[in-house]
Amino acid sequence: MAHGRRGKILIPQIARAIDRAGRALRRRSRPMTVRLLPGLLVAATVASAQSSGHFDLDVRKSGVLQLGKSHIDPVSAWVTHTDEFFGGRTMALKIQMFTSPIDAAARQRLVKNDEDHHELSRGGSATFVLFLDAENRIRQANLTYVIRGTTVVRSVATTTDEIAKWFGDYHYGDGRLRLRSKGTYATGAESPDEILSLAWDISVDAAVAEHRR
């Protein structure tokens, strides 16, 4: 071992170097967090959504909508627990389903503004709004179907029987939504000037962002 002031290796110096390296490694290994923005509270670690689905629209008669059949095949979902409806008097789960995957850049845009999804919805999009009661049970389900030139908005489940039939496989808690739903909405005698059907088959397993106005 070399001697002299420059050649000495002191035990305390080694210990401090090891401690600094350990702290740096621990900092690098921490899970990524999402910065909390005003009006938007997001889980610290947001897991990737495992969601997909299929939607079919068949318009047979309408004075507004384009006639014919179309479909959307989403491969991702962004879910928000929000108070944006009815002046904040009721909470809802908003499930936005897109035809493109949600990458890191898209996730950042959605965290800031969940309506900033132009790139994700180029091939169409579908959004369920599930209105909840005080115990987070579904009391009404609305569906919005959007493709180029066509937007259809309908309340697809309003009765206890419809909710049980089409949204019975529903689990929401601990910041995560798991939902399997398959159903068909069809116009009835109350709308003789419009004849259409809107069918869906979805599987959603996604973290839920919290939104407060």
Foldseek 3Di string as FASTA:
>chain_A
DDDDDVPDDDPVVVVVVVVVVVVVVVVVPDAAADDDDVQWFFPGHWDAKQKWKKKKKAWPFAPQADHGIDMAIFGGWAWAFELPPPNSPWTKIKIKTFNDGQDPVNVNVCRVPVVPCCVRAQAWIKIKIFIADPVRDGQWIKMWTDYVPDIDIDTQDHDPVSCCQFWVQWDDDPQWTWTWGWDKDWDDPVCPRITMMMTMTMTITTGYIYGGD
